[in-house]
PDB file of N, CA and C in Angstrom:
ATOM      1  N   MET A   1     101.384 114.005 120.803  1.00  0.00           N
ATOM      2  CA  MET A   1     101.975 113.029 121.733  1.00  0.00           C
ATOM      3  C   MET A   1     101.465 111.889 120.905  1.00  0.00           C
ATOM      4  N   SER A   2     102.262 110.817 121.130  1.00  0.00           N
ATOM      5  CA  SER A   2     101.942 109.508 120.395  1.00  0.00           C
ATOM      6  C   SER A   2     101.884 108.320 121.426  1.00  0.00           C
ATOM      7  N   GLY A   3     101.187 107.307 120.943  1.00  0.00           N
ATOM      8  CA  GLY A   3     101.051 106.043 121.866  1.00  0.00           C
ATOM      9  C   GLY A   3     101.735 104.965 121.048  1.00  0.00           C
ATOM     10  N   VAL A   4     101.695 103.831 121.820  1.00  0.00           N
ATOM     11  CA  VAL A   4     102.346 102.644 121.007  1.00  0.00           C
ATOM     12  C   VAL A   4     100.958 101.592 121.042  1.00  0.00           C
ATOM     13  N   ILE A   5     100.951 101.039 119.925  1.00  0.00           N
ATOM     14  CA  ILE A   5     100.032  99.686 119.617  1.00  0.00           C
ATOM     15  C   ILE A   5     100.981  98.470 119.309  1.00  0.00           C
ATOM     16  N   SER A   6     100.818  97.324 119.779  1.00  0.00           N
ATOM     17  CA  SER A   6     101.494  96.367 119.483  1.00  0.00           C
ATOM     18  C   SER A   6     100.490  95.085 119.364  1.00  0.00           C
ATOM     19  N   PHE A   7     100.896  94.127 118.803  1.00  0.00           N
ATOM     20  CA  PHE A   7      99.980  92.966 118.318  1.00  0.00           C
ATOM     21  C   PHE A   7     100.868  91.759 118.028  1.00  0.00           C
ATOM     22  N   LYS A   8     100.371  90.454 118.163  1.00  0.00           N
ATOM     23  CA  LYS A   8     101.075  89.396 117.816  1.00  0.00           C
ATOM     24  C   LYS A   8     100.683  88.801 116.291  1.00  0.00           C
ATOM     25  N   VAL A   9     101.814  88.400 115.614  1.00  0.00           N
ATOM     26  CA  VAL A   9     101.483  87.678 114.352  1.00  0.00           C
ATOM     27  C   VAL A   9     102.374  86.472 114.407  1.00  0.00           C
ATOM     28  N   PRO A  10     101.843  85.676 113.523  1.00  0.00           N
ATOM     29  CA  PRO A  10     102.566  84.286 113.393  1.00  0.00           C
ATOM     30  C   PRO A  10     104.002  84.460 113.211  1.00  0.00           C
ATOM     31  N   LYS A  11     104.733  83.479 113.723  1.00  0.00           N
ATOM     32  CA  LYS A  11     106.341  83.391 113.556  1.00  0.00           C
ATOM     33  C   LYS A  11     106.702  83.859 112.071  1.00  0.00           C
ATOM     34  N   GLU A  12     105.890  82.975 111.157  1.00  0.00           N
ATOM     35  CA  GLU A  12     106.434  83.225 109.579  1.00  0.00           C
ATOM     36  C   GLU A  12     106.195  84.651 109.273  1.00  0.00           C
ATOM     37  N   VAL A  13     105.191  85.250 109.682  1.00  0.00           N
ATOM     38  CA  VAL A  13     104.968  86.755 109.351  1.00  0.00           C
ATOM     39  C   VAL A  13     106.055  87.661 110.073  1.00  0.00           C
ATOM     40  N   LYS A  14     106.415  87.454 111.147  1.00  0.00           N
ATOM     41  CA  LYS A  14     107.468  88.002 111.781  1.00  0.00           C
ATOM     42  C   LYS A  14     108.807  87.966 111.024  1.00  0.00           C
ATOM     43  N   GLU A  15     108.949  86.796 110.579  1.00  0.00           N
ATOM     44  CA  GLU A  15     110.221  86.586 109.857  1.00  0.00           C
ATOM     45  C   GLU A  15     110.322  87.286 108.451  1.00  0.00           C
ATOM     46  N   LYS A  16     109.160  87.318 107.846  1.00  0.00           N
ATOM     47  CA  LYS A  16     109.216  87.910 106.583  1.00  0.00           C
ATOM     48  C   LYS A  16     109.150  89.544 106.738  1.00  0.00           C
ATOM     49  N   TYR A  17     108.453  89.903 107.941  1.00  0.00           N
ATOM     50  CA  TYR A  17     108.694  91.431 108.307  1.00  0.00           C
ATOM     51  C   TYR A  17     110.240  91.725 108.552  1.00  0.00           C
ATOM     52  N   GLU A  18     110.827  91.017 109.097  1.00  0.00           N
ATOM     53  CA  GLU A  18     112.248  91.193 109.572  1.00  0.00           C
ATOM     54  C   GLU A  18     113.154  91.531 108.234  1.00  0.00           C
ATOM     55  N   LYS A  19     112.737  90.285 107.485  1.00  0.00           N
ATOM     56  CA  LYS A  19     113.474  90.403 106.095  1.00  0.00           C
ATOM     57  C   LYS A  19     113.278  91.594 105.175  1.00  0.00           C
ATOM     58  N   LEU A  20     112.148  92.046 105.232  1.00  0.00           N
ATOM     59  CA  LEU A  20     111.642  93.260 104.481  1.00  0.00           C
ATOM     60  C   LEU A  20     111.887  94.793 105.130  1.00  0.00           C
ATOM     61  N   LYS A  21     112.125  94.616 106.365  1.00  0.00           N
ATOM     62  CA  LYS A  21     112.292  96.043 107.152  1.00  0.00           C
ATOM     63  C   LYS A  21     113.141  97.117 106.436  1.00  0.00           C
ATOM     64  N   ASP A  22     114.288  96.532 105.619  1.00  0.00           N
ATOM     65  CA  ASP A  22     115.039  97.497 104.958  1.00  0.00           C
ATOM     66  C   ASP A  22     114.499  98.090 103.701  1.00  0.00           C
ATOM     67  N   VAL A  23     113.325  97.454 103.174  1.00  0.00           N
ATOM     68  CA  VAL A  23     112.631  97.743 102.002  1.00  0.00           C
ATOM     69  C   VAL A  23     111.398  98.505 102.124  1.00  0.00           C
ATOM     70  N   ILE A  24     110.765  98.067 103.332  1.00  0.00           N
ATOM     71  CA  ILE A  24     109.248  98.567 103.574  1.00  0.00           C
ATOM     72  C   ILE A  24     109.480  99.565 104.882  1.00  0.00           C
ATOM     73  N   ASP A  25     109.003 100.590 104.953  1.00  0.00           N
ATOM     74  CA  ASP A  25     108.985 101.649 106.231  1.00  0.00           C
ATOM     75  C   ASP A  25     107.718 101.117 107.001  1.00  0.00           C
ATOM     76  N   TRP A  26     107.896 100.009 107.716  1.00  0.00           N
ATOM     77  CA  TRP A  26     106.759  99.342 108.405  1.00  0.00           C
ATOM     78  C   TRP A  26     106.124 100.355 109.456  1.00  0.00           C
ATOM     79  N   PRO A  27     106.682 101.139 110.138  1.00  0.00           N
ATOM     80  CA  PRO A  27     105.805 102.038 110.909  1.00  0.00           C
ATOM     81  C   PRO A  27     105.014 103.026 110.306  1.00  0.00           C
ATOM     82  N   ALA A  28     105.388 103.555 109.163  1.00  0.00           N
ATOM     83  CA  ALA A  28     104.627 104.498 108.283  1.00  0.00           C
ATOM     84  C   ALA A  28     103.398 103.665 107.421  1.00  0.00           C
ATOM     85  N   GLU A  29     103.844 102.465 107.151  1.00  0.00           N
ATOM     86  CA  GLU A  29     102.757 101.621 106.401  1.00  0.00           C
ATOM     87  C   GLU A  29     101.685 101.236 107.433  1.00  0.00           C
ATOM     88  N   LEU A  30     102.104 100.805 108.421  1.00  0.00           N
ATOM     89  CA  LEU A  30     101.036 100.420 109.526  1.00  0.00           C
ATOM     90  C   LEU A  30     100.260 101.484 109.994  1.00  0.00           C
ATOM     91  N   ARG A  31     100.798 102.792 110.296  1.00  0.00           N
ATOM     92  CA  ARG A  31     100.106 103.807 110.611  1.00  0.00           C
ATOM     93  C   ARG A  31      99.105 104.436 109.821  1.00  0.00           C
ATOM     94  N   THR A  32      99.452 104.430 108.491  1.00  0.00           N
ATOM     95  CA  THR A  32      98.465 104.725 107.436  1.00  0.00           C
ATOM     96  C   THR A  32      97.382 103.798 107.343  1.00  0.00           C
ATOM     97  N   PHE A  33      97.691 102.350 107.341  1.00  0.00           N
ATOM     98  CA  PHE A  33      96.540 101.376 107.333  1.00  0.00           C
ATOM     99  C   PHE A  33      95.704 101.770 108.628  1.00  0.00           C
ATOM    100  N   VAL A  34      96.183 101.891 109.676  1.00  0.00           N
ATOM    101  CA  VAL A  34      95.160 102.111 110.975  1.00  0.00           C
ATOM    102  C   VAL A  34      94.538 103.413 110.859  1.00  0.00           C
ATOM    103  N   GLU A  35      95.027 104.499 110.401  1.00  0.00           N
ATOM    104  CA  GLU A  35      94.239 105.525 110.209  1.00  0.00           C
ATOM    105  C   GLU A  35      93.196 105.466 109.234  1.00  0.00           C
ATOM    106  N   GLU A  36      93.531 104.964 107.911  1.00  0.00           N
ATOM    107  CA  GLU A  36      92.379 104.685 107.112  1.00  0.00           C
ATOM    108  C   GLU A  36      91.408 103.902 107.448  1.00  0.00           C
ATOM    109  N   ARG A  37      91.827 102.778 108.159  1.00  0.00           N
ATOM    110  CA  ARG A  37      90.544 101.843 108.717  1.00  0.00           C
ATOM    111  C   ARG A  37      89.821 102.619 109.798  1.00  0.00           C
ATOM    112  N   ILE A  38      90.317 103.418 110.695  1.00  0.00           N
ATOM    113  CA  ILE A  38      89.449 104.087 111.593  1.00  0.00           C
ATOM    114  C   ILE A  38      88.547 105.132 110.812  1.00  0.00           C
ATOM    115  N   ARG A  39      89.069 105.788 109.760  1.00  0.00           N
ATOM    116  CA  ARG A  39      88.336 106.875 108.926  1.00  0.00           C
ATOM    117  C   ARG A  39      87.191 105.873 108.351  1.00  0.00           C
ATOM    118  N   LYS A  40      87.219 104.744 107.708  1.00  0.00           N
ATOM    119  CA  LYS A  40      86.299 104.047 107.153  1.00  0.00           C
ATOM    120  C   LYS A  40      85.413 103.499 108.256  1.00  0.00           C
ATOM    121  N   ALA A  41      85.560 102.982 109.363  1.00  0.00           N
ATOM    122  CA  ALA A  41      84.765 102.625 110.395  1.00  0.00           C
ATOM    123  C   ALA A  41      83.976 103.822 110.876  1.00  0.00           C
ATOM    124  N   GLU A  42      84.675 105.133 111.124  1.00  0.00           N
ATOM    125  CA  GLU A  42      83.813 106.075 111.482  1.00  0.00           C
ATOM    126  C   GLU A  42      82.813 106.629 110.432  1.00  0.00           C
ATOM    127  N   ARG A  43      83.124 106.649 109.162  1.00  0.00           N
ATOM    128  CA  ARG A  43      82.137 106.853 107.940  1.00  0.00           C
ATOM    129  C   ARG A  43      81.240 105.884 108.030  1.00  0.00           C
ATOM    130  N   SER A  44      81.230 104.571 108.226  1.00  0.00           N
ATOM    131  CA  SER A  44      80.339 103.526 108.270  1.00  0.00           C
ATOM    132  C   SER A  44      79.315 103.827 109.588  1.00  0.00           C
ATOM    133  N   GLY A  45      79.895 104.275 110.762  1.00  0.00           N
ATOM    134  CA  GLY A  45      78.876 104.521 111.671  1.00  0.00           C
ATOM    135  C   GLY A  45      78.036 105.487 111.572  1.00  0.00           C
ATOM    136  N   ILE A  46      78.756 106.844 110.909  1.00  0.00           N
ATOM    137  CA  ILE A  46      77.918 108.014 110.562  1.00  0.00           C
ATOM    138  C   ILE A  46      76.771 107.528 109.542  1.00  0.00           C
ATOM    139  N   ILE A  47      77.152 106.615 108.499  1.00  0.00           N
ATOM    140  CA  ILE A  47      75.965 106.340 107.418  1.00  0.00           C
ATOM    141  C   ILE A  47      75.031 105.565 108.250  1.00  0.00           C
ATOM    142  N   ARG A  48      75.350 104.484 109.024  1.00  0.00           N
ATOM    143  CA  ARG A  48      74.294 103.764 109.820  1.00  0.00           C
ATOM    144  C   ARG A  48      73.378 104.572 110.619  1.00  0.00           C
ATOM    145  N   LYS A  49      73.897 105.718 111.322  1.00  0.00           N
ATOM    146  CA  LYS A  49      73.066 106.511 112.105  1.00  0.00           C
ATOM    147  C   LYS A  49      72.308 107.364 111.234  1.00  0.00           C
ATOM    148  N   ILE A  50      72.686 107.619 110.027  1.00  0.00           N
ATOM    149  CA  ILE A  50      71.604 108.327 109.224  1.00  0.00           C
ATOM    150  C   ILE A  50      70.563 107.391 108.755  1.00  0.00           C
ATOM    151  N   LEU A  51      70.946 106.193 108.311  1.00  0.00           N
ATOM    152  CA  LEU A  51      70.044 105.294 107.751  1.00  0.00           C
ATOM    153  C   LEU A  51      68.968 105.013 108.760  1.00  0.00           C
ATOM    154  N   GLU A  52      69.441 105.041 110.074  1.00  0.00           N
ATOM    155  CA  GLU A  52      68.441 104.494 111.288  1.00  0.00           C
ATOM    156  C   GLU A  52      67.328 105.794 111.419  1.00  0.00           C
ATOM    157  N   LYS A  53      67.680 106.791 111.024  1.00  0.00           N
ATOM    158  CA  LYS A  53      66.732 107.953 111.212  1.00  0.00           C
ATOM    159  C   LYS A  53      65.571 108.011 110.174  1.00  0.00           C
ATOM    160  N   LYS A  54      64.360 108.648 110.642  1.00  0.00           N
ATOM    161  CA  LYS A  54      63.406 108.495 109.903  1.00  0.00           C
ATOM    162  C   LYS A  54      63.574 109.816 108.813  1.00  0.00           C
ATOM    163  N   PRO A  55      63.110 109.589 107.462  1.00  0.00           N
ATOM    164  CA  PRO A  55      63.209 110.717 106.689  1.00  0.00           C
ATOM    165  C   PRO A  55      62.723 112.099 107.185  1.00  0.00           C
ATOM    166  N   ARG A  56      61.940 112.154 108.035  1.00  0.00           N
ATOM    167  CA  ARG A  56      61.459 113.569 108.585  1.00  0.00           C
ATOM    168  C   ARG A  56      62.631 114.200 109.536  1.00  0.00           C
ATOM    169  N   GLU A  57      63.362 113.300 110.160  1.00  0.00           N
ATOM    170  CA  GLU A  57      64.494 113.728 111.050  1.00  0.00           C
ATOM    171  C   GLU A  57      65.617 114.227 110.200  1.00  0.00           C
ATOM    172  N   ILE A  58      65.917 113.734 108.965  1.00  0.00           N
ATOM    173  CA  ILE A  58      66.924 114.163 108.296  1.00  0.00           C
ATOM    174  C   ILE A  58      66.591 115.384 107.287  1.00  0.00           C
ATOM    175  N   LEU A  59      65.438 115.600 106.632  1.00  0.00           N
ATOM    176  CA  LEU A  59      65.189 116.617 105.996  1.00  0.00           C
ATOM    177  C   LEU A  59      63.978 117.326 106.628  1.00  0.00           C
ATOM    178  N   PRO A  60      64.201 118.778 106.746  1.00  0.00           N
ATOM    179  CA  PRO A  60      62.866 119.659 107.342  1.00  0.00           C
ATOM    180  C   PRO A  60      61.798 119.379 106.493  1.00  0.00           C
ATOM    181  N   ARG A  61      60.427 119.431 107.072  1.00  0.00           N
ATOM    182  CA  ARG A  61      59.331 119.441 106.584  1.00  0.00           C
ATOM    183  C   ARG A  61      59.094 120.371 105.378  1.00  0.00           C
ATOM    184  N   GLY A  62      58.793 119.912 104.252  1.00  0.00           N
ATOM    185  CA  GLY A  62      58.457 120.708 103.070  1.00  0.00           C
ATOM    186  C   GLY A  62      59.714 121.139 102.398  1.00  0.00           C
ATOM    187  N   SER A  63      60.901 120.661 102.537  1.00  0.00           N
ATOM    188  CA  SER A  63      62.064 120.848 101.822  1.00  0.00           C
ATOM    189  C   SER A  63      62.111 120.218 100.611  1.00  0.00           C
ATOM    190  N   VAL A  64      61.509 118.972 100.442  1.00  0.00           N
ATOM    191  CA  VAL A  64      61.482 118.184  99.122  1.00  0.00           C
ATOM    192  C   VAL A  64      60.632 118.981  98.209  1.00  0.00           C
ATOM    193  N   VAL A  65      59.440 119.453  98.668  1.00  0.00           N
ATOM    194  CA  VAL A  65      58.391 120.133  97.816  1.00  0.00           C
ATOM    195  C   VAL A  65      58.978 121.380  97.390  1.00  0.00           C
ATOM    196  N   ALA A  66      59.716 122.189  98.377  1.00  0.00           N
ATOM    197  CA  ALA A  66      60.387 123.243  97.779  1.00  0.00           C
ATOM    198  C   ALA A  66      61.349 123.219  96.710  1.00  0.00           C
ATOM    199  N   ALA A  67      62.064 121.927  96.947  1.00  0.00           N
ATOM    200  CA  ALA A  67      63.174 121.714  95.960  1.00  0.00           C
ATOM    201  C   ALA A  67      62.518 121.566  94.718  1.00  0.00           C
ATOM    202  N   ILE A  68      61.344 120.693  94.618  1.00  0.00           N
ATOM    203  CA  ILE A  68      60.865 120.221  93.239  1.00  0.00           C
ATOM    204  C   ILE A  68      60.270 121.659  92.632  1.00  0.00           C
ATOM    205  N   ARG A  69      59.624 122.361  93.340  1.00  0.00           N
ATOM    206  CA  ARG A  69      59.068 123.835  92.863  1.00  0.00           C
ATOM    207  C   ARG A  69      60.114 124.624  92.165  1.00  0.00           C
ATOM    208  N   GLU A  70      61.290 124.668  92.975  1.00  0.00           N
ATOM    209  CA  GLU A  70      62.288 125.399  92.479  1.00  0.00           C
ATOM    210  C   GLU A  70      62.857 124.908  91.278  1.00  0.00           C
ATOM    211  N   ASP A  71      63.033 123.689  91.142  1.00  0.00           N
ATOM    212  CA  ASP A  71      63.680 123.018  89.973  1.00  0.00           C
ATOM    213  C   ASP A  71      62.649 123.353  88.744  1.00  0.00           C
ATOM    214  N   ARG A  72      61.332 123.069  88.839  1.00  0.00           N
ATOM    215  CA  ARG A  72      60.317 123.245  87.985  1.00  0.00           C
ATOM    216  C   ARG A  72      60.229 124.601  87.510  1.00  0.00           C
ATOM    217  N   GLU A  73      60.442 125.676  88.441  1.00  0.00           N
ATOM    218  CA  GLU A  73      60.308 127.182  88.140  1.00  0.00           C
ATOM    219  C   GLU A  73      61.498 127.525  87.172  1.00  0.00           C
ATOM    220  N   GLY A  74      62.744 126.677  87.466  1.00  0.00           N
ATOM    221  CA  GLY A  74      63.963 126.957  86.607  1.00  0.00           C
ATOM    222  C   GLY A  74      63.952 126.799  85.160  1.00  0.00           C
ATOM    223  N   ASP A  75      62.948 126.018  84.853  1.00  0.00           N
ATOM    224  CA  ASP A  75      62.760 125.750  83.387  1.00  0.00           C
ATOM    225  C   ASP A  75      62.352 126.709  82.433  1.00  0.00           C
TER     226      ASP A  75
END
């Protein structure tokens, strides 16, 4: 199912939009832009949540030490 999003632009922009509608597939362009912008905002929110956590909440206790030992033993 789909929905409609509308927004106002200055008259000059609307006029240019109309002139270019045979050249540019506006619905596809705008859909792609909105979808990408949403993905970026969601990623930013996820990163912000991760950075707000304390290191112990992100990595289990002892995991860094275990990774260093494993790396050293591999040599």
